[in-house]
Amino acid sequence: MTENETRFCPYCGVKLQRPYWAHIQKEHPEKYTQKETWVKLFEDYTKLGMDEDISLTVISELFNATKEEIKSFLKSRKVL
């Protein structure tokens, strides 16, 4: 995924503008606060063929979290 590539909200499908997480935080606050969402997104992204690093980068941008935080959470859930 390149910086210029279009990204869409995983919940409602609307085209996202930077910062990506702002839409989710505003329009889907119940999802934004649930770290469990990271599991579903990671699984979906990797099933679509994204490699692990890119998936973690996208999720980190969506949720304004570090890749390390996300990776640690996914490991704790035995997803990684």
N, C-alpha and C. Protein backbone atom coordinates (compact mmCIF):
# COMPACT_ATOMS: atom_id res chain seq x y z
N MET A 1 0.85 -1.17 0.00
CA MET A 1 0.00 0.00 0.00
C MET A 1 0.89 1.23 0.00
N THR A 2 0.62 2.14 -0.90
CA THR A 2 1.41 3.36 -0.98
C THR A 2 0.72 4.48 -0.24
N GLU A 3 1.46 5.55 -0.01
CA GLU A 3 0.89 6.69 0.72
C GLU A 3 -0.28 7.31 -0.03
N ASN A 4 -0.27 7.24 -1.36
CA ASN A 4 -1.32 7.85 -2.16
C ASN A 4 -2.51 6.93 -2.40
N GLU A 5 -2.42 5.69 -1.92
CA GLU A 5 -3.49 4.74 -2.13
C GLU A 5 -4.72 5.11 -1.31
N THR A 6 -5.88 4.91 -1.87
CA THR A 6 -7.14 5.23 -1.20
C THR A 6 -7.42 4.18 -0.13
N ARG A 7 -7.89 4.64 1.01
CA ARG A 7 -8.27 3.73 2.10
C ARG A 7 -9.71 4.00 2.47
N PHE A 8 -10.39 2.93 2.89
CA PHE A 8 -11.80 3.01 3.21
C PHE A 8 -12.05 2.53 4.63
N CYS A 9 -13.08 3.07 5.25
CA CYS A 9 -13.45 2.68 6.60
C CYS A 9 -13.87 1.22 6.59
N PRO A 10 -13.34 0.42 7.51
CA PRO A 10 -13.71 -1.00 7.57
C PRO A 10 -15.14 -1.22 8.08
N TYR A 11 -15.77 -0.19 8.60
CA TYR A 11 -17.12 -0.33 9.18
C TYR A 11 -18.23 0.15 8.26
N CYS A 12 -18.01 1.29 7.57
CA CYS A 12 -19.08 1.83 6.73
C CYS A 12 -18.66 2.00 5.28
N GLY A 13 -17.38 1.79 4.97
CA GLY A 13 -16.91 1.83 3.61
C GLY A 13 -16.63 3.19 3.02
N VAL A 14 -16.82 4.26 3.79
CA VAL A 14 -16.57 5.61 3.28
C VAL A 14 -15.07 5.79 3.02
N LYS A 15 -14.74 6.56 1.99
CA LYS A 15 -13.34 6.88 1.68
C LYS A 15 -12.77 7.71 2.82
N LEU A 16 -11.61 7.31 3.30
CA LEU A 16 -11.00 7.99 4.45
C LEU A 16 -10.00 9.05 4.01
N GLN A 17 -9.95 10.11 4.79
CA GLN A 17 -8.95 11.16 4.65
C GLN A 17 -8.02 11.08 5.85
N ARG A 18 -6.80 11.57 5.69
CA ARG A 18 -5.87 11.57 6.82
C ARG A 18 -6.31 12.59 7.85
N PRO A 19 -6.15 12.38 9.11
CA PRO A 19 -5.73 11.12 9.71
C PRO A 19 -6.87 10.12 9.68
N TYR A 20 -6.57 8.91 9.24
CA TYR A 20 -7.58 7.88 9.01
C TYR A 20 -8.39 7.56 10.26
N TRP A 21 -7.72 7.54 11.39
CA TRP A 21 -8.39 7.15 12.63
C TRP A 21 -9.45 8.16 13.06
N ALA A 22 -9.34 9.42 12.59
CA ALA A 22 -10.28 10.46 13.03
C ALA A 22 -11.71 10.11 12.66
N HIS A 23 -11.91 9.55 11.47
CA HIS A 23 -13.26 9.15 11.05
C HIS A 23 -13.80 8.07 11.98
N ILE A 24 -13.00 7.06 12.23
CA ILE A 24 -13.46 5.96 13.08
C ILE A 24 -13.73 6.45 14.50
N GLN A 25 -12.87 7.31 14.99
CA GLN A 25 -13.05 7.86 16.34
C GLN A 25 -14.35 8.65 16.42
N LYS A 26 -14.67 9.42 15.39
CA LYS A 26 -15.86 10.27 15.40
C LYS A 26 -17.14 9.50 15.06
N GLU A 27 -17.09 8.71 14.00
CA GLU A 27 -18.30 8.06 13.48
C GLU A 27 -18.57 6.68 14.08
N HIS A 28 -17.55 6.03 14.59
CA HIS A 28 -17.70 4.68 15.15
C HIS A 28 -16.97 4.56 16.49
N PRO A 29 -17.32 5.43 17.45
CA PRO A 29 -16.56 5.44 18.71
C PRO A 29 -16.59 4.11 19.45
N GLU A 30 -17.67 3.37 19.33
CA GLU A 30 -17.74 2.07 20.02
C GLU A 30 -16.73 1.10 19.44
N LYS A 31 -16.40 1.23 18.18
CA LYS A 31 -15.40 0.37 17.54
C LYS A 31 -13.99 0.87 17.81
N TYR A 32 -13.85 2.19 17.83
CA TYR A 32 -12.53 2.79 18.00
C TYR A 32 -11.90 2.38 19.32
N THR A 33 -12.70 2.26 20.34
CA THR A 33 -12.16 1.96 21.66
C THR A 33 -11.95 0.46 21.90
N GLN A 34 -12.38 -0.35 20.97
CA GLN A 34 -12.27 -1.79 21.15
C GLN A 34 -11.03 -2.33 20.44
N LYS A 35 -10.03 -2.69 21.21
CA LYS A 35 -8.81 -3.22 20.61
C LYS A 35 -9.07 -4.54 19.89
N GLU A 36 -10.14 -5.19 20.24
CA GLU A 36 -10.49 -6.44 19.56
C GLU A 36 -10.68 -6.21 18.07
N THR A 37 -11.03 -4.99 17.69
CA THR A 37 -11.18 -4.64 16.28
C THR A 37 -9.87 -4.87 15.54
N TRP A 38 -8.74 -4.67 16.22
CA TRP A 38 -7.45 -4.88 15.58
C TRP A 38 -7.31 -6.31 15.08
N VAL A 39 -7.84 -7.26 15.84
CA VAL A 39 -7.75 -8.66 15.45
C VAL A 39 -8.47 -8.89 14.13
N LYS A 40 -9.70 -8.42 14.04
CA LYS A 40 -10.50 -8.62 12.83
C LYS A 40 -9.85 -7.92 11.64
N LEU A 41 -9.42 -6.68 11.82
CA LEU A 41 -8.78 -5.96 10.73
C LEU A 41 -7.51 -6.67 10.26
N PHE A 42 -6.69 -7.11 11.20
CA PHE A 42 -5.45 -7.79 10.84
C PHE A 42 -5.76 -9.07 10.06
N GLU A 43 -6.72 -9.83 10.54
CA GLU A 43 -7.09 -11.06 9.84
C GLU A 43 -7.63 -10.75 8.45
N ASP A 44 -8.47 -9.74 8.33
CA ASP A 44 -9.03 -9.37 7.03
C ASP A 44 -7.94 -8.90 6.07
N TYR A 45 -7.07 -8.03 6.55
CA TYR A 45 -6.02 -7.49 5.70
C TYR A 45 -5.07 -8.58 5.22
N THR A 46 -4.68 -9.48 6.11
CA THR A 46 -3.75 -10.52 5.70
C THR A 46 -4.43 -11.53 4.76
N LYS A 47 -5.71 -11.76 4.94
CA LYS A 47 -6.44 -12.63 4.01
C LYS A 47 -6.52 -12.00 2.62
N LEU A 48 -6.49 -10.67 2.56
CA LEU A 48 -6.52 -9.97 1.29
C LEU A 48 -5.14 -9.91 0.63
N GLY A 49 -4.13 -10.44 1.32
CA GLY A 49 -2.80 -10.50 0.75
C GLY A 49 -1.81 -9.46 1.24
N MET A 50 -2.23 -8.60 2.16
CA MET A 50 -1.29 -7.62 2.73
C MET A 50 -0.30 -8.36 3.61
N ASP A 51 0.96 -7.94 3.56
CA ASP A 51 1.90 -8.58 4.47
C ASP A 51 1.72 -8.01 5.88
N GLU A 52 2.33 -8.67 6.83
CA GLU A 52 2.16 -8.32 8.24
C GLU A 52 2.53 -6.87 8.54
N ASP A 53 3.66 -6.42 8.03
CA ASP A 53 4.13 -5.07 8.33
C ASP A 53 3.17 -4.01 7.79
N ILE A 54 2.70 -4.19 6.58
CA ILE A 54 1.76 -3.22 6.00
C ILE A 54 0.45 -3.23 6.77
N SER A 55 -0.03 -4.41 7.13
CA SER A 55 -1.26 -4.51 7.91
C SER A 55 -1.13 -3.76 9.23
N LEU A 56 -0.02 -3.95 9.91
CA LEU A 56 0.21 -3.27 11.18
C LEU A 56 0.30 -1.75 10.98
N THR A 57 0.92 -1.32 9.89
CA THR A 57 1.02 0.11 9.60
C THR A 57 -0.35 0.72 9.38
N VAL A 58 -1.18 0.07 8.59
CA VAL A 58 -2.53 0.59 8.31
C VAL A 58 -3.34 0.67 9.58
N ILE A 59 -3.32 -0.38 10.39
CA ILE A 59 -4.08 -0.39 11.64
C ILE A 59 -3.56 0.69 12.58
N SER A 60 -2.25 0.87 12.62
CA SER A 60 -1.68 1.91 13.50
C SER A 60 -2.14 3.30 13.08
N GLU A 61 -2.27 3.52 11.77
CA GLU A 61 -2.75 4.82 11.29
C GLU A 61 -4.24 5.00 11.57
N LEU A 62 -5.00 3.95 11.41
CA LEU A 62 -6.43 4.03 11.67
C LEU A 62 -6.74 4.35 13.13
N PHE A 63 -5.95 3.76 14.03
CA PHE A 63 -6.26 3.86 15.45
C PHE A 63 -5.29 4.73 16.24
N ASN A 64 -4.38 5.40 15.53
CA ASN A 64 -3.43 6.28 16.20
C ASN A 64 -2.70 5.55 17.33
N ALA A 65 -2.23 4.36 17.01
CA ALA A 65 -1.50 3.53 17.97
C ALA A 65 -0.17 3.14 17.32
N THR A 66 0.77 2.73 18.13
CA THR A 66 2.05 2.31 17.57
C THR A 66 1.94 0.89 17.03
N LYS A 67 2.78 0.60 16.05
CA LYS A 67 2.80 -0.76 15.51
C LYS A 67 3.18 -1.76 16.60
N GLU A 68 4.06 -1.34 17.49
CA GLU A 68 4.50 -2.23 18.58
C GLU A 68 3.34 -2.56 19.52
N GLU A 69 2.52 -1.56 19.82
CA GLU A 69 1.35 -1.78 20.68
C GLU A 69 0.39 -2.77 20.03
N ILE A 70 0.14 -2.59 18.75
CA ILE A 70 -0.77 -3.47 18.04
C ILE A 70 -0.21 -4.87 17.95
N LYS A 71 1.06 -4.97 17.62
CA LYS A 71 1.71 -6.27 17.51
C LYS A 71 1.67 -7.01 18.84
N SER A 72 1.94 -6.31 19.92
CA SER A 72 1.90 -6.92 21.25
C SER A 72 0.50 -7.42 21.57
N PHE A 73 -0.51 -6.61 21.26
CA PHE A 73 -1.90 -7.01 21.52
C PHE A 73 -2.25 -8.25 20.69
N LEU A 74 -1.87 -8.25 19.41
CA LEU A 74 -2.19 -9.39 18.55
C LEU A 74 -1.47 -10.66 19.02
N LYS A 75 -0.25 -10.50 19.50
CA LYS A 75 0.47 -11.66 20.05
C LYS A 75 -0.24 -12.19 21.30
N SER A 76 -0.73 -11.28 22.13
CA SER A 76 -1.42 -11.70 23.36
C SER A 76 -2.72 -12.46 23.05
N ARG A 77 -3.28 -12.19 21.87
CA ARG A 77 -4.50 -12.88 21.43
C ARG A 77 -4.19 -14.06 20.53
N LYS A 78 -2.88 -14.38 20.42
CA LYS A 78 -2.40 -15.51 19.63
C LYS A 78 -2.75 -15.41 18.15
N VAL A 79 -2.84 -14.17 17.66
CA VAL A 79 -3.09 -13.94 16.24
C VAL A 79 -1.77 -13.92 15.48
N LEU A 80 -0.71 -13.47 16.14
CA LEU A 80 0.64 -13.45 15.55
C LEU A 80 1.47 -14.55 16.16
